[in-house]
Every structure is written in C-alpha cells, then in structure tokens.
Amino acid sequence: MTQITTRFERIKARPAYELVAEAIEKKILAGRLKPGDPVGTESELVRQFGVNRSTVREGIRLLEQSGLVAREPSRRLSVAVPHYHRLATRMTRALILQQVTFRELWHTSRALEPAAVDQAMDNATEEDLAELAVNVDETRKVRRDPAAVAELDAEFHKLIGKATHNRVLLLAKEPSGMLVRSTTALIILSNPTGIPRLIAAHEHILEALQRRDREKGRLWVDRHLRDWKAGFERSGRDLDTPVELYERTRGE
C-alpha cells in the first residue's frame, strides 16, 4: 500500500521591523494613540521593543510611508492622520498596475458620481456652491484650451465630492477620479468639439445643486457620463483597453 506524504511549506518568519510597525499601528487604530500623541524617540522604542536601532528605523519608515507617523522638527515621532490624496495616489497606482479598463472605470463612475451629487444636494454649503460656480466660469473662459478644460473638469468633480461632506465617499471617488481626468484629457484633446457639451453639463449640474433639484441633478450626471463614454468610443479606443495616466498639465 502506497503511503501519501503530506507536504508543508516552510514557515517564514516575519522581519522584526514589520512587527514593530504593526505593534505601533495597532495602538493607533485602537485609539490608544491619537493624532498628535507622541510615539517616542527611536532610543525609547529600541528599549521598549528590545531590538536594535536599525529595526526601529525600518519600522518607523513603514509607518511614515503610510502617513500614520510623522517626524517633528525636534526629531520626536508623533501620530499623524494620512492625507486622503496620499492614499488616493497609492490606490491609483494600484488600479493602473491591475490594468483596469475604461469599461470598469465607467461602471464605477455610474455608481459614485450620482451618489456624490445626491449627497451634495443635502450637504453642499454656499461656499461649496460658490467654488463650483467659479470653476464653471473659469472653464468657459478657457474653452479653447482642451488641456485646461480637462484639468477644470477633474476639479469640478472633485469639488462635488468635497461638497458631499462625506469623507468615505470622497476617499472612494479620488483614486478613480485621477483616471477619469486622464481619459477626459485624451478625449477632448483628440476632439475638442465636445467641450461645449461638457460645459453645458457642468452648468446644469451646478444649477440643480443650487436649486436642490435632485431629479435634474441625476438627469444631467447621467447625460454627462454617457457623453464621456461616447467620446471615448469616438476616439477610436476599445472600452476594454487598460486605462493609462495622462500627465499633461495646464499651461503646457
């Protein structure tokens, strides 16, 4: 009778610096260390963890990269709050490496953009609406500059996210928003004739927010998103092609 031998993979010990970072992170996420609280000096952490200084430094480096810990001018370490832009940038890179397609991006935007406008209907302040109005006015002024219009379109949708006053929704929108900006830039640079429709959509969405007209807001967000998809198709690109970042900025 043949005996079947079970094979096991070797156990891999985690580096000590990861354990240091994890121990500090757990206290932060549990609320035992709050934003602004001191984490301690490197010397103090070396003594508390019973490891060498290089191990502590590597652990702190991981926490600094994630935005959970900041180094003060005095060299002391304190708990920080990661800025959403830093988190979003990392997520955008991950989306690109995963080779997400325009089709995936469009379907996601069909969920997030109407949700953002819907919450902005309830939560937008006069200051938020004023910022959106300035954006629309500036877009009209630069309508003959496709690159500038693409930047302002991205800003318009970012301002709507801000007007929701919902940090979860803002964080959810931001990573994909960077890719939306790229596709919009490519679309209007290849065919600037769509710019008047883009501006008109922004005007109607702003008016709907000003009047708290939820039905009109949903209608124009839907039209705006459909125009975006149609423009991408007219540019000759396949909806299932991975989206790339477009790096051109205003003034170039």
C-alpha atoms as a PDB file:
ATOM      1  CA  MET A   1       0.000   0.000   0.000  1.00  0.00           C
ATOM      2  CA  THR A   2       1.400   3.383  -1.054  1.00  0.00           C
ATOM      3  CA  GLN A   3       1.595   5.939   1.716  1.00  0.00           C
ATOM      4  CA  ILE A   4       0.775   9.509   0.689  1.00  0.00           C
ATOM      5  CA  THR A   5       3.128  12.015   2.227  1.00  0.00           C
ATOM      6  CA  THR A   6       1.688  15.443   3.003  1.00  0.00           C
ATOM      7  CA  ARG A   7       3.991  18.291   2.038  1.00  0.00           C
ATOM      8  CA  PHE A   8       4.199  21.504   4.014  1.00  0.00           C
ATOM      9  CA  GLU A   9       5.692  24.825   3.033  1.00  0.00           C
ATOM     10  CA  ARG A  10       8.454  26.255   5.111  1.00  0.00           C
ATOM     11  CA  ILE A  11       7.412  28.671   7.814  1.00  0.00           C
ATOM     12  CA  LYS A  12       8.682  32.134   7.013  1.00  0.00           C
ATOM     13  CA  ALA A  13       9.497  34.343   9.968  1.00  0.00           C
ATOM     14  CA  ARG A  14       8.360  37.950   9.544  1.00  0.00           C
ATOM     15  CA  PRO A  15      11.052  40.626   9.735  1.00  0.00           C
ATOM     16  CA  ALA A  16      11.286  42.300  13.146  1.00  0.00           C
ATOM     17  CA  TYR A  17      10.761  45.780  11.682  1.00  0.00           C
ATOM     18  CA  GLU A  18       7.334  44.710  10.361  1.00  0.00           C
ATOM     19  CA  LEU A  19       6.379  43.529  13.840  1.00  0.00           C
ATOM     20  CA  VAL A  20       7.483  46.887  15.298  1.00  0.00           C
ATOM     21  CA  ALA A  21       5.372  48.790  12.732  1.00  0.00           C
ATOM     22  CA  GLU A  22       2.396  46.505  13.314  1.00  0.00           C
ATOM     23  CA  ALA A  23       2.535  46.906  17.107  1.00  0.00           C
ATOM     24  CA  ILE A  24       2.506  50.708  16.833  1.00  0.00           C
ATOM     25  CA  GLU A  25      -0.192  50.669  14.145  1.00  0.00           C
ATOM     26  CA  LYS A  26      -2.468  48.501  16.299  1.00  0.00           C
ATOM     27  CA  LYS A  27      -2.295  51.024  19.159  1.00  0.00           C
ATOM     28  CA  ILE A  28      -3.104  53.857  16.762  1.00  0.00           C
ATOM     29  CA  LEU A  29      -6.071  52.077  15.163  1.00  0.00           C
ATOM     30  CA  ALA A  30      -7.348  51.004  18.595  1.00  0.00           C
ATOM     31  CA  GLY A  31      -7.371  54.656  19.672  1.00  0.00           C
ATOM     32  CA  ARG A  32      -4.766  54.200  22.402  1.00  0.00           C
ATOM     33  CA  LEU A  33      -2.545  56.575  20.467  1.00  0.00           C
ATOM     34  CA  LYS A  34      -4.373  59.524  18.921  1.00  0.00           C
ATOM     35  CA  PRO A  35      -3.335  62.072  16.243  1.00  0.00           C
ATOM     36  CA  GLY A  36      -0.712  64.368  17.736  1.00  0.00           C
ATOM     37  CA  ASP A  37       0.259  61.956  20.526  1.00  0.00           C
ATOM     38  CA  PRO A  38       3.992  61.250  20.832  1.00  0.00           C
ATOM     39  CA  VAL A  39       5.132  57.797  19.770  1.00  0.00           C
ATOM     40  CA  GLY A  40       8.503  58.209  21.439  1.00  0.00           C
ATOM     41  CA  THR A  41      12.077  58.647  20.309  1.00  0.00           C
ATOM     42  CA  GLU A  42      14.000  55.953  18.470  1.00  0.00           C
ATOM     43  CA  SER A  43      16.019  55.314  21.647  1.00  0.00           C
ATOM     44  CA  GLU A  44      12.857  54.820  23.694  1.00  0.00           C
ATOM     45  CA  LEU A  45      11.404  52.444  21.118  1.00  0.00           C
ATOM     46  CA  VAL A  46      14.664  50.463  20.950  1.00  0.00           C
ATOM     47  CA  ARG A  47      14.482  49.975  24.712  1.00  0.00           C
ATOM     48  CA  GLN A  48      10.774  49.114  24.770  1.00  0.00           C
ATOM     49  CA  PHE A  49      10.856  46.617  21.883  1.00  0.00           C
ATOM     50  CA  GLY A  50      14.226  45.134  22.776  1.00  0.00           C
ATOM     51  CA  VAL A  51      15.519  45.405  19.202  1.00  0.00           C
ATOM     52  CA  ASN A  52      18.345  47.303  17.546  1.00  0.00           C
ATOM     53  CA  ARG A  53      18.058  50.851  16.222  1.00  0.00           C
ATOM     54  CA  SER A  54      18.038  49.851  12.528  1.00  0.00           C
ATOM     55  CA  THR A  55      14.998  47.629  13.150  1.00  0.00           C
ATOM     56  CA  VAL A  56      13.111  50.513  14.785  1.00  0.00           C
ATOM     57  CA  ARG A  57      14.086  52.871  11.964  1.00  0.00           C
ATOM     58  CA  GLU A  58      12.779  50.470   9.312  1.00  0.00           C
ATOM     59  CA  GLY A  59       9.532  50.013  11.220  1.00  0.00           C
ATOM     60  CA  ILE A  60       9.071  53.768  11.560  1.00  0.00           C
ATOM     61  CA  ARG A  61       9.851  54.214   7.866  1.00  0.00           C
ATOM     62  CA  LEU A  62       6.894  51.952   7.018  1.00  0.00           C
ATOM     63  CA  LEU A  63       4.600  53.990   9.260  1.00  0.00           C
ATOM     64  CA  GLU A  64       5.846  57.278   7.787  1.00  0.00           C
ATOM     65  CA  GLN A  65       5.198  55.996   4.266  1.00  0.00           C
ATOM     66  CA  SER A  66       1.632  55.105   5.206  1.00  0.00           C
ATOM     67  CA  GLY A  67       1.139  58.536   6.811  1.00  0.00           C
ATOM     68  CA  LEU A  68       0.392  57.153  10.279  1.00  0.00           C
ATOM     69  CA  VAL A  69       3.515  58.626  11.887  1.00  0.00           C
ATOM     70  CA  ALA A  70       5.274  61.957  11.312  1.00  0.00           C
ATOM     71  CA  ARG A  71       8.690  63.128  12.429  1.00  0.00           C
ATOM     72  CA  GLU A  72       8.601  66.507  14.166  1.00  0.00           C
ATOM     73  CA  PRO A  73      11.358  69.149  13.827  1.00  0.00           C
ATOM     74  CA  SER A  74      12.603  68.021  17.253  1.00  0.00           C
ATOM     75  CA  ARG A  75      13.028  64.531  15.717  1.00  0.00           C
ATOM     76  CA  ARG A  76      10.359  63.152  18.026  1.00  0.00           C
ATOM     77  CA  LEU A  77       7.754  60.905  16.418  1.00  0.00           C
ATOM     78  CA  SER A  78       4.047  61.602  16.659  1.00  0.00           C
ATOM     79  CA  VAL A  79       0.823  60.071  15.374  1.00  0.00           C
ATOM     80  CA  ALA A  80      -0.450  61.618  12.144  1.00  0.00           C
ATOM     81  CA  VAL A  81      -3.605  61.372  10.030  1.00  0.00           C
ATOM     82  CA  PRO A  82      -2.904  60.120   6.484  1.00  0.00           C
ATOM     83  CA  HIS A  83      -3.986  62.712   3.923  1.00  0.00           C
ATOM     84  CA  TYR A  84      -6.600  61.333   1.542  1.00  0.00           C
ATOM     85  CA  HIS A  85      -4.578  62.495  -1.501  1.00  0.00           C
ATOM     86  CA  ARG A  86      -1.634  60.331  -0.468  1.00  0.00           C
ATOM     87  CA  LEU A  87      -3.896  57.323  -0.004  1.00  0.00           C
ATOM     88  CA  ALA A  88      -5.672  58.003  -3.292  1.00  0.00           C
ATOM     89  CA  THR A  89      -2.419  58.289  -5.219  1.00  0.00           C
ATOM     90  CA  ARG A  90      -1.313  54.890  -3.985  1.00  0.00           C
ATOM     91  CA  MET A  91      -4.686  53.412  -4.923  1.00  0.00           C
ATOM     92  CA  THR A  92      -4.494  54.967  -8.389  1.00  0.00           C
ATOM     93  CA  ARG A  93      -1.122  53.318  -8.940  1.00  0.00           C
ATOM     94  CA  ALA A  94      -2.643  50.014  -7.842  1.00  0.00           C
ATOM     95  CA  LEU A  95      -5.526  50.436 -10.310  1.00  0.00           C
ATOM     96  CA  ILE A  96      -3.071  51.078 -13.139  1.00  0.00           C
ATOM     97  CA  LEU A  97      -0.944  48.068 -12.221  1.00  0.00           C
ATOM     98  CA  GLN A  98      -4.123  45.962 -12.141  1.00  0.00           C
ATOM     99  CA  GLN A  99      -4.774  47.241 -15.696  1.00  0.00           C
ATOM    100  CA  VAL A 100      -8.323  48.369 -15.016  1.00  0.00           C
ATOM    101  CA  THR A 101     -10.249  49.134 -18.183  1.00  0.00           C
ATOM    102  CA  PHE A 102     -12.352  52.119 -19.239  1.00  0.00           C
ATOM    103  CA  ARG A 103     -15.434  49.908 -19.060  1.00  0.00           C
ATOM    104  CA  GLU A 104     -14.718  49.162 -15.377  1.00  0.00           C
ATOM    105  CA  LEU A 105     -13.998  52.831 -14.724  1.00  0.00           C
ATOM    106  CA  TRP A 106     -17.227  53.924 -16.415  1.00  0.00           C
ATOM    107  CA  HIS A 107     -19.415  51.472 -14.498  1.00  0.00           C
ATOM    108  CA  THR A 108     -17.804  52.574 -11.218  1.00  0.00           C
ATOM    109  CA  SER A 109     -18.342  56.240 -12.075  1.00  0.00           C
ATOM    110  CA  ARG A 110     -22.001  55.442 -12.818  1.00  0.00           C
ATOM    111  CA  ALA A 111     -22.301  54.433  -9.177  1.00  0.00           C
ATOM    112  CA  LEU A 112     -20.106  57.050  -7.487  1.00  0.00           C
ATOM    113  CA  GLU A 113     -20.922  60.270  -9.386  1.00  0.00           C
ATOM    114  CA  PRO A 114     -24.716  60.152  -8.929  1.00  0.00           C
ATOM    115  CA  ALA A 115     -24.174  59.251  -5.257  1.00  0.00           C
ATOM    116  CA  ALA A 116     -21.892  62.270  -4.840  1.00  0.00           C
ATOM    117  CA  VAL A 117     -24.343  64.689  -6.472  1.00  0.00           C
ATOM    118  CA  ASP A 118     -27.167  63.203  -4.416  1.00  0.00           C
ATOM    119  CA  GLN A 119     -25.311  63.813  -1.133  1.00  0.00           C
ATOM    120  CA  ALA A 120     -24.172  67.252  -2.271  1.00  0.00           C
ATOM    121  CA  MET A 121     -27.865  68.118  -2.690  1.00  0.00           C
ATOM    122  CA  ASP A 122     -28.246  67.669   1.055  1.00  0.00           C
ATOM    123  CA  ASN A 123     -24.886  68.882   2.326  1.00  0.00           C
ATOM    124  CA  ALA A 124     -23.424  71.492  -0.049  1.00  0.00           C
ATOM    125  CA  THR A 125     -22.822  74.863   1.634  1.00  0.00           C
ATOM    126  CA  GLU A 126     -22.952  78.294  -0.019  1.00  0.00           C
ATOM    127  CA  GLU A 127     -19.159  78.225  -0.035  1.00  0.00           C
ATOM    128  CA  ASP A 128     -19.160  74.882  -1.867  1.00  0.00           C
ATOM    129  CA  LEU A 129     -21.588  76.204  -4.488  1.00  0.00           C
ATOM    130  CA  ALA A 130     -19.513  79.354  -4.921  1.00  0.00           C
ATOM    131  CA  GLU A 131     -16.399  77.271  -5.593  1.00  0.00           C
ATOM    132  CA  LEU A 132     -18.278  75.252  -8.204  1.00  0.00           C
ATOM    133  CA  ALA A 133     -19.564  78.443  -9.832  1.00  0.00           C
ATOM    134  CA  VAL A 134     -16.024  79.825 -10.079  1.00  0.00           C
ATOM    135  CA  ASN A 135     -14.900  76.550 -11.658  1.00  0.00           C
ATOM    136  CA  VAL A 136     -17.674  76.649 -14.283  1.00  0.00           C
ATOM    137  CA  ASP A 137     -16.923  80.298 -15.080  1.00  0.00           C
ATOM    138  CA  GLU A 138     -13.214  79.584 -15.494  1.00  0.00           C
ATOM    139  CA  THR A 139     -13.977  76.605 -17.731  1.00  0.00           C
ATOM    140  CA  ARG A 140     -15.999  78.877 -20.019  1.00  0.00           C
ATOM    141  CA  LYS A 141     -13.060  81.286 -20.252  1.00  0.00           C
ATOM    142  CA  VAL A 142     -10.550  78.581 -21.265  1.00  0.00           C
ATOM    143  CA  ARG A 143     -12.905  76.587 -23.510  1.00  0.00           C
ATOM    144  CA  ARG A 144     -10.442  76.858 -26.420  1.00  0.00           C
ATOM    145  CA  ASP A 145      -7.695  75.182 -24.361  1.00  0.00           C
ATOM    146  CA  PRO A 146      -8.524  71.437 -24.165  1.00  0.00           C
ATOM    147  CA  ALA A 147      -5.786  70.656 -21.609  1.00  0.00           C
ATOM    148  CA  ALA A 148      -7.042  73.398 -19.283  1.00  0.00           C
ATOM    149  CA  VAL A 149     -10.643  72.210 -19.694  1.00  0.00           C
ATOM    150  CA  ALA A 150      -9.609  68.665 -18.742  1.00  0.00           C
ATOM    151  CA  GLU A 151      -7.977  69.943 -15.548  1.00  0.00           C
ATOM    152  CA  LEU A 152     -11.017  72.014 -14.637  1.00  0.00           C
ATOM    153  CA  ASP A 153     -13.366  69.110 -15.358  1.00  0.00           C
ATOM    154  CA  ALA A 154     -11.392  66.995 -12.865  1.00  0.00           C
ATOM    155  CA  GLU A 155     -11.555  69.845 -10.360  1.00  0.00           C
ATOM    156  CA  PHE A 156     -15.317  70.217 -10.857  1.00  0.00           C
ATOM    157  CA  HIS A 157     -15.959  66.590  -9.915  1.00  0.00           C
ATOM    158  CA  LYS A 158     -13.525  66.843  -7.024  1.00  0.00           C
ATOM    159  CA  LEU A 159     -15.410  69.884  -5.718  1.00  0.00           C
ATOM    160  CA  ILE A 160     -18.667  67.923  -5.878  1.00  0.00           C
ATOM    161  CA  GLY A 161     -17.010  65.207  -3.802  1.00  0.00           C
ATOM    162  CA  LYS A 162     -15.929  67.853  -1.312  1.00  0.00           C
ATOM    163  CA  ALA A 163     -19.486  69.246  -1.222  1.00  0.00           C
ATOM    164  CA  THR A 164     -20.827  65.897  -0.016  1.00  0.00           C
ATOM    165  CA  HIS A 165     -19.010  66.413   3.306  1.00  0.00           C
ATOM    166  CA  ASN A 166     -18.714  62.631   3.371  1.00  0.00           C
ATOM    167  CA  ARG A 167     -15.088  61.566   3.804  1.00  0.00           C
ATOM    168  CA  VAL A 168     -15.792  57.942   2.902  1.00  0.00           C
ATOM    169  CA  LEU A 169     -17.335  58.945  -0.426  1.00  0.00           C
ATOM    170  CA  LEU A 170     -14.534  61.436  -1.062  1.00  0.00           C
ATOM    171  CA  LEU A 171     -11.911  58.744  -0.482  1.00  0.00           C
ATOM    172  CA  ALA A 172     -13.826  56.315  -2.691  1.00  0.00           C
ATOM    173  CA  LYS A 173     -14.012  58.785  -5.590  1.00  0.00           C
ATOM    174  CA  GLU A 174     -10.483  60.120  -5.567  1.00  0.00           C
ATOM    175  CA  PRO A 175      -8.421  57.163  -6.919  1.00  0.00           C
ATOM    176  CA  SER A 176     -10.715  56.584  -9.904  1.00  0.00           C
ATOM    177  CA  GLY A 177     -11.048  60.355 -10.354  1.00  0.00           C
ATOM    178  CA  MET A 178      -7.393  60.583 -11.331  1.00  0.00           C
ATOM    179  CA  LEU A 179      -8.010  58.068 -14.109  1.00  0.00           C
ATOM    180  CA  VAL A 180     -11.197  59.852 -15.200  1.00  0.00           C
ATOM    181  CA  ARG A 181      -9.111  63.000 -15.642  1.00  0.00           C
ATOM    182  CA  SER A 182      -6.703  61.102 -17.900  1.00  0.00           C
ATOM    183  CA  THR A 183      -9.434  59.734 -20.152  1.00  0.00           C
ATOM    184  CA  THR A 184     -11.199  63.107 -20.354  1.00  0.00           C
ATOM    185  CA  ALA A 185      -7.939  64.774 -21.397  1.00  0.00           C
ATOM    186  CA  LEU A 186      -7.392  62.232 -24.165  1.00  0.00           C
ATOM    187  CA  ILE A 187     -10.988  62.576 -25.386  1.00  0.00           C
ATOM    188  CA  ILE A 188     -11.134  66.355 -25.667  1.00  0.00           C
ATOM    189  CA  LEU A 189      -7.593  66.716 -26.983  1.00  0.00           C
ATOM    190  CA  SER A 190      -8.476  64.368 -29.833  1.00  0.00           C
ATOM    191  CA  ASN A 191     -11.886  66.003 -30.374  1.00  0.00           C
ATOM    192  CA  PRO A 192     -12.353  69.481 -28.800  1.00  0.00           C
ATOM    193  CA  THR A 193     -15.840  69.814 -30.328  1.00  0.00           C
ATOM    194  CA  GLY A 194     -17.234  68.052 -27.248  1.00  0.00           C
ATOM    195  CA  ILE A 195     -16.135  70.852 -24.899  1.00  0.00           C
ATOM    196  CA  PRO A 196     -19.388  72.908 -25.184  1.00  0.00           C
ATOM    197  CA  ARG A 197     -21.406  69.825 -24.140  1.00  0.00           C
ATOM    198  CA  LEU A 198     -19.093  69.279 -21.167  1.00  0.00           C
ATOM    199  CA  ILE A 199     -19.509  72.899 -20.058  1.00  0.00           C
ATOM    200  CA  ALA A 200     -23.291  72.727 -20.526  1.00  0.00           C
ATOM    201  CA  ALA A 201     -23.457  69.604 -18.354  1.00  0.00           C
ATOM    202  CA  HIS A 202     -21.479  71.323 -15.597  1.00  0.00           C
ATOM    203  CA  GLU A 203     -23.772  74.362 -15.793  1.00  0.00           C
ATOM    204  CA  HIS A 204     -26.899  72.223 -15.449  1.00  0.00           C
ATOM    205  CA  ILE A 205     -25.454  70.150 -12.592  1.00  0.00           C
ATOM    206  CA  LEU A 206     -24.487  73.338 -10.744  1.00  0.00           C
ATOM    207  CA  GLU A 207     -27.948  74.828 -11.284  1.00  0.00           C
ATOM    208  CA  ALA A 208     -29.540  71.626  -9.982  1.00  0.00           C
ATOM    209  CA  LEU A 209     -27.374  71.799  -6.846  1.00  0.00           C
ATOM    210  CA  GLN A 210     -28.225  75.464  -6.322  1.00  0.00           C
ATOM    211  CA  ARG A 211     -31.944  74.700  -6.562  1.00  0.00           C
ATOM    212  CA  ARG A 212     -31.630  71.384  -4.700  1.00  0.00           C
ATOM    213  CA  ASP A 213     -33.305  69.789  -7.724  1.00  0.00           C
ATOM    214  CA  ARG A 214     -32.432  66.138  -7.211  1.00  0.00           C
ATOM    215  CA  GLU A 215     -34.170  64.859 -10.354  1.00  0.00           C
ATOM    216  CA  LYS A 216     -32.425  67.344 -12.621  1.00  0.00           C
ATOM    217  CA  GLY A 217     -29.082  66.603 -10.973  1.00  0.00           C
ATOM    218  CA  ARG A 218     -29.422  62.879 -11.628  1.00  0.00           C
ATOM    219  CA  LEU A 219     -30.523  63.509 -15.212  1.00  0.00           C
ATOM    220  CA  TRP A 220     -27.503  65.662 -16.090  1.00  0.00           C
ATOM    221  CA  VAL A 221     -24.978  63.459 -14.314  1.00  0.00           C
ATOM    222  CA  ASP A 222     -26.281  60.550 -16.376  1.00  0.00           C
ATOM    223  CA  ARG A 223     -26.021  62.570 -19.618  1.00  0.00           C
ATOM    224  CA  HIS A 224     -22.538  63.757 -18.683  1.00  0.00           C
ATOM    225  CA  LEU A 225     -21.344  60.201 -18.060  1.00  0.00           C
ATOM    226  CA  ARG A 226     -22.897  58.941 -21.298  1.00  0.00           C
ATOM    227  CA  ASP A 227     -21.162  61.729 -23.236  1.00  0.00           C
ATOM    228  CA  TRP A 228     -17.864  60.741 -21.615  1.00  0.00           C
ATOM    229  CA  LYS A 229     -18.281  57.121 -22.734  1.00  0.00           C
ATOM    230  CA  ALA A 230     -19.375  58.137 -26.239  1.00  0.00           C
ATOM    231  CA  GLY A 231     -16.358  60.440 -26.537  1.00  0.00           C
ATOM    232  CA  PHE A 232     -14.029  57.636 -25.525  1.00  0.00           C
ATOM    233  CA  GLU A 233     -15.556  55.373 -28.176  1.00  0.00           C
ATOM    234  CA  ARG A 234     -15.321  58.112 -30.828  1.00  0.00           C
ATOM    235  CA  SER A 235     -11.628  58.489 -30.040  1.00  0.00           C
ATOM    236  CA  GLY A 236     -11.177  55.005 -31.504  1.00  0.00           C
ATOM    237  CA  ARG A 237     -10.229  53.311 -28.248  1.00  0.00           C
ATOM    238  CA  ASP A 238     -11.504  49.940 -27.068  1.00  0.00           C
ATOM    239  CA  LEU A 239     -13.590  50.084 -23.880  1.00  0.00           C
ATOM    240  CA  ASP A 240     -11.688  47.080 -22.577  1.00  0.00           C
ATOM    241  CA  THR A 241      -8.244  48.640 -23.038  1.00  0.00           C
ATOM    242  CA  PRO A 242      -6.381  49.330 -19.756  1.00  0.00           C
ATOM    243  CA  VAL A 243      -6.563  52.975 -18.711  1.00  0.00           C
ATOM    244  CA  GLU A 244      -3.317  54.916 -18.501  1.00  0.00           C
ATOM    245  CA  LEU A 245      -2.391  58.090 -16.660  1.00  0.00           C
ATOM    246  CA  TYR A 246      -2.140  61.167 -18.850  1.00  0.00           C
ATOM    247  CA  GLU A 247       0.468  63.532 -17.398  1.00  0.00           C
ATOM    248  CA  ARG A 248      -0.033  66.716 -19.396  1.00  0.00           C
ATOM    249  CA  THR A 249      -0.883  69.693 -17.198  1.00  0.00           C
ATOM    250  CA  ARG A 250      -2.369  73.121 -17.793  1.00  0.00           C
ATOM    251  CA  GLY A 251      -0.117  75.634 -19.470  1.00  0.00           C
ATOM    252  CA  GLU A 252       1.860  73.027 -21.428  1.00  0.00           C
END
